[in-house]
Amino acid sequence: MKIKKIPLRKSVVSNTQFPKKELLRIVYNKAGEISIDPTGKAAGRGAYIAIKNDEAQQAKQKRVFDRVFQTQIADHFYDELILYVDHQVEREKLATVTYSIDEAPEI
């Protein structure tokens, strides 16, 4: 059986390679708009960041995407990015939590 190749991409913040599914793609399109691309398929130039709280904070502090896309990016985009990454990290934590019938929260 053939082993499936796992695509790797480099995080622009830590300069470390990760499997593509563990990264978040940020897209800069021809219209000059920057956006978060959760699907990884949006048209435009992309840059990747690891889905970790500290990487999102460092991206804002170092203004990484200003340098990568060679443009001035507003602070509210970095704030939105931090909120999105925080949300994804919390979702990942919830996916691994299991409850017994007695400990389950009431709905």
C-alpha atoms as a PDB file:
ATOM      1  CA  MET A   1       0.000   0.000   0.000  1.00  0.00           C
ATOM      2  CA  LYS A   2       1.259   3.444  -0.914  1.00  0.00           C
ATOM      3  CA  ILE A   3       1.889   5.916   1.913  1.00  0.00           C
ATOM      4  CA  LYS A   4      -0.041   9.145   1.415  1.00  0.00           C
ATOM      5  CA  LYS A   5       2.101  12.261   1.368  1.00  0.00           C
ATOM      6  CA  ILE A   6       1.136  14.895   3.963  1.00  0.00           C
ATOM      7  CA  PRO A   7       1.493  18.430   2.557  1.00  0.00           C
ATOM      8  CA  LEU A   8       3.627  20.695   4.751  1.00  0.00           C
ATOM      9  CA  ARG A   9       3.551  24.491   4.924  1.00  0.00           C
ATOM     10  CA  LYS A  10       5.678  26.956   6.851  1.00  0.00           C
ATOM     11  CA  SER A  11       4.235  29.309   9.454  1.00  0.00           C
ATOM     12  CA  VAL A  12       5.303  32.897   8.711  1.00  0.00           C
ATOM     13  CA  VAL A  13       5.527  33.674  12.436  1.00  0.00           C
ATOM     14  CA  SER A  14       7.642  30.824  13.816  1.00  0.00           C
ATOM     15  CA  ASN A  15       9.215  29.752  10.494  1.00  0.00           C
ATOM     16  CA  THR A  16       8.409  26.136  11.382  1.00  0.00           C
ATOM     17  CA  GLN A  17       6.850  23.566   9.081  1.00  0.00           C
ATOM     18  CA  PHE A  18       3.520  22.008  10.059  1.00  0.00           C
ATOM     19  CA  PRO A  19       1.016  19.767   8.278  1.00  0.00           C
ATOM     20  CA  LYS A  20      -1.262  21.998   6.206  1.00  0.00           C
ATOM     21  CA  LYS A  21      -4.364  21.002   8.228  1.00  0.00           C
ATOM     22  CA  GLU A  22      -2.815  22.416  11.417  1.00  0.00           C
ATOM     23  CA  LEU A  23      -2.373  25.867   9.900  1.00  0.00           C
ATOM     24  CA  LEU A  24      -4.650  28.801   9.127  1.00  0.00           C
ATOM     25  CA  ARG A  25      -4.382  30.495   5.737  1.00  0.00           C
ATOM     26  CA  ILE A  26      -4.483  34.283   5.446  1.00  0.00           C
ATOM     27  CA  VAL A  27      -5.259  35.573   1.936  1.00  0.00           C
ATOM     28  CA  TYR A  28      -4.380  38.835   0.217  1.00  0.00           C
ATOM     29  CA  ASN A  29      -6.362  39.187  -3.033  1.00  0.00           C
ATOM     30  CA  LYS A  30      -5.930  41.402  -6.109  1.00  0.00           C
ATOM     31  CA  ALA A  31      -8.431  43.943  -4.762  1.00  0.00           C
ATOM     32  CA  GLY A  32      -6.075  44.604  -1.845  1.00  0.00           C
ATOM     33  CA  GLU A  33      -8.295  42.913   0.756  1.00  0.00           C
ATOM     34  CA  ILE A  34      -6.889  40.660   3.438  1.00  0.00           C
ATOM     35  CA  SER A  35      -9.011  37.917   4.976  1.00  0.00           C
ATOM     36  CA  ILE A  36      -8.937  34.698   6.965  1.00  0.00           C
ATOM     37  CA  ASP A  37      -9.427  31.658   4.726  1.00  0.00           C
ATOM     38  CA  PRO A  38     -10.710  28.707   6.778  1.00  0.00           C
ATOM     39  CA  THR A  39     -11.170  26.528   3.657  1.00  0.00           C
ATOM     40  CA  GLY A  40      -7.672  27.141   2.300  1.00  0.00           C
ATOM     41  CA  LYS A  41      -9.016  27.557  -1.240  1.00  0.00           C
ATOM     42  CA  ALA A  42      -9.715  31.283  -1.646  1.00  0.00           C
ATOM     43  CA  ALA A  43      -8.133  33.071  -4.596  1.00  0.00           C
ATOM     44  CA  GLY A  44      -5.145  35.250  -3.851  1.00  0.00           C
ATOM     45  CA  ARG A  45      -1.717  35.106  -2.291  1.00  0.00           C
ATOM     46  CA  GLY A  46      -1.695  33.099   0.905  1.00  0.00           C
ATOM     47  CA  ALA A  47       0.424  32.954   4.029  1.00  0.00           C
ATOM     48  CA  TYR A  48       0.073  30.442   6.841  1.00  0.00           C
ATOM     49  CA  ILE A  49       0.045  30.766  10.614  1.00  0.00           C
ATOM     50  CA  ALA A  50      -0.173  27.992  13.199  1.00  0.00           C
ATOM     51  CA  ILE A  51      -3.434  27.815  15.110  1.00  0.00           C
ATOM     52  CA  LYS A  52      -1.854  28.731  18.441  1.00  0.00           C
ATOM     53  CA  ASN A  53      -2.658  31.678  20.690  1.00  0.00           C
ATOM     54  CA  ASP A  54       0.971  32.762  21.074  1.00  0.00           C
ATOM     55  CA  GLU A  55       1.552  32.802  17.300  1.00  0.00           C
ATOM     56  CA  ALA A  56      -1.466  35.056  16.742  1.00  0.00           C
ATOM     57  CA  GLN A  57      -0.192  37.424  19.460  1.00  0.00           C
ATOM     58  CA  GLN A  58       3.291  37.464  17.912  1.00  0.00           C
ATOM     59  CA  ALA A  59       1.812  38.132  14.464  1.00  0.00           C
ATOM     60  CA  LYS A  60       0.172  41.288  15.820  1.00  0.00           C
ATOM     61  CA  GLN A  61       3.217  42.358  17.822  1.00  0.00           C
ATOM     62  CA  LYS A  62       5.647  41.883  14.912  1.00  0.00           C
ATOM     63  CA  ARG A  63       3.073  42.931  12.262  1.00  0.00           C
ATOM     64  CA  VAL A  64       4.065  39.880  10.247  1.00  0.00           C
ATOM     65  CA  PHE A  65       1.437  40.186   7.511  1.00  0.00           C
ATOM     66  CA  ASP A  66       2.439  43.791   6.788  1.00  0.00           C
ATOM     67  CA  ARG A  67       5.860  42.457   5.842  1.00  0.00           C
ATOM     68  CA  VAL A  68       4.662  39.310   4.050  1.00  0.00           C
ATOM     69  CA  PHE A  69       2.110  41.081   1.844  1.00  0.00           C
ATOM     70  CA  GLN A  70       4.142  44.325   1.611  1.00  0.00           C
ATOM     71  CA  THR A  71       1.213  46.533   2.587  1.00  0.00           C
ATOM     72  CA  GLN A  72      -0.200  48.345   5.615  1.00  0.00           C
ATOM     73  CA  ILE A  73      -2.781  46.224   7.456  1.00  0.00           C
ATOM     74  CA  ALA A  74      -5.178  47.691  10.012  1.00  0.00           C
ATOM     75  CA  ASP A  75      -4.983  46.665  13.665  1.00  0.00           C
ATOM     76  CA  HIS A  76      -8.583  45.426  13.652  1.00  0.00           C
ATOM     77  CA  PHE A  77      -7.567  42.591  11.285  1.00  0.00           C
ATOM     78  CA  TYR A  78      -4.967  41.391  13.780  1.00  0.00           C
ATOM     79  CA  ASP A  79      -7.577  41.605  16.579  1.00  0.00           C
ATOM     80  CA  GLU A  80     -10.005  39.583  14.456  1.00  0.00           C
ATOM     81  CA  LEU A  81      -7.253  37.032  13.793  1.00  0.00           C
ATOM     82  CA  ILE A  82      -6.527  36.662  17.517  1.00  0.00           C
ATOM     83  CA  LEU A  83     -10.231  36.126  18.272  1.00  0.00           C
ATOM     84  CA  TYR A  84     -10.543  33.560  15.471  1.00  0.00           C
ATOM     85  CA  VAL A  85      -7.481  31.607  16.644  1.00  0.00           C
ATOM     86  CA  ASP A  86      -8.709  31.690  20.274  1.00  0.00           C
ATOM     87  CA  HIS A  87     -12.056  30.320  19.113  1.00  0.00           C
ATOM     88  CA  GLN A  88     -10.409  27.524  17.110  1.00  0.00           C
ATOM     89  CA  VAL A  89      -8.141  26.550  20.027  1.00  0.00           C
ATOM     90  CA  GLU A  90     -11.166  26.340  22.359  1.00  0.00           C
ATOM     91  CA  ARG A  91     -13.093  24.250  19.805  1.00  0.00           C
ATOM     92  CA  GLU A  92     -10.163  21.839  19.611  1.00  0.00           C
ATOM     93  CA  LYS A  93     -10.122  21.520  23.405  1.00  0.00           C
ATOM     94  CA  LEU A  94     -13.853  20.799  23.456  1.00  0.00           C
ATOM     95  CA  ALA A  95     -13.478  18.124  20.790  1.00  0.00           C
ATOM     96  CA  THR A  96     -11.164  16.139  23.065  1.00  0.00           C
ATOM     97  CA  VAL A  97     -13.274  16.460  26.242  1.00  0.00           C
ATOM     98  CA  THR A  98     -15.408  13.499  27.217  1.00  0.00           C
ATOM     99  CA  TYR A  99     -17.946  13.324  30.008  1.00  0.00           C
ATOM    100  CA  SER A 100     -19.471  10.429  31.835  1.00  0.00           C
ATOM    101  CA  ILE A 101     -23.266  10.441  32.081  1.00  0.00           C
ATOM    102  CA  ASP A 102     -23.072  11.774  35.668  1.00  0.00           C
ATOM    103  CA  GLU A 103     -20.702  14.654  34.860  1.00  0.00           C
ATOM    104  CA  ALA A 104     -22.322  15.845  31.631  1.00  0.00           C
ATOM    105  CA  PRO A 105     -23.561  19.449  31.696  1.00  0.00           C
ATOM    106  CA  GLU A 106     -27.317  19.919  31.626  1.00  0.00           C
ATOM    107  CA  ILE A 107     -28.797  21.208  28.400  1.00  0.00           C
END
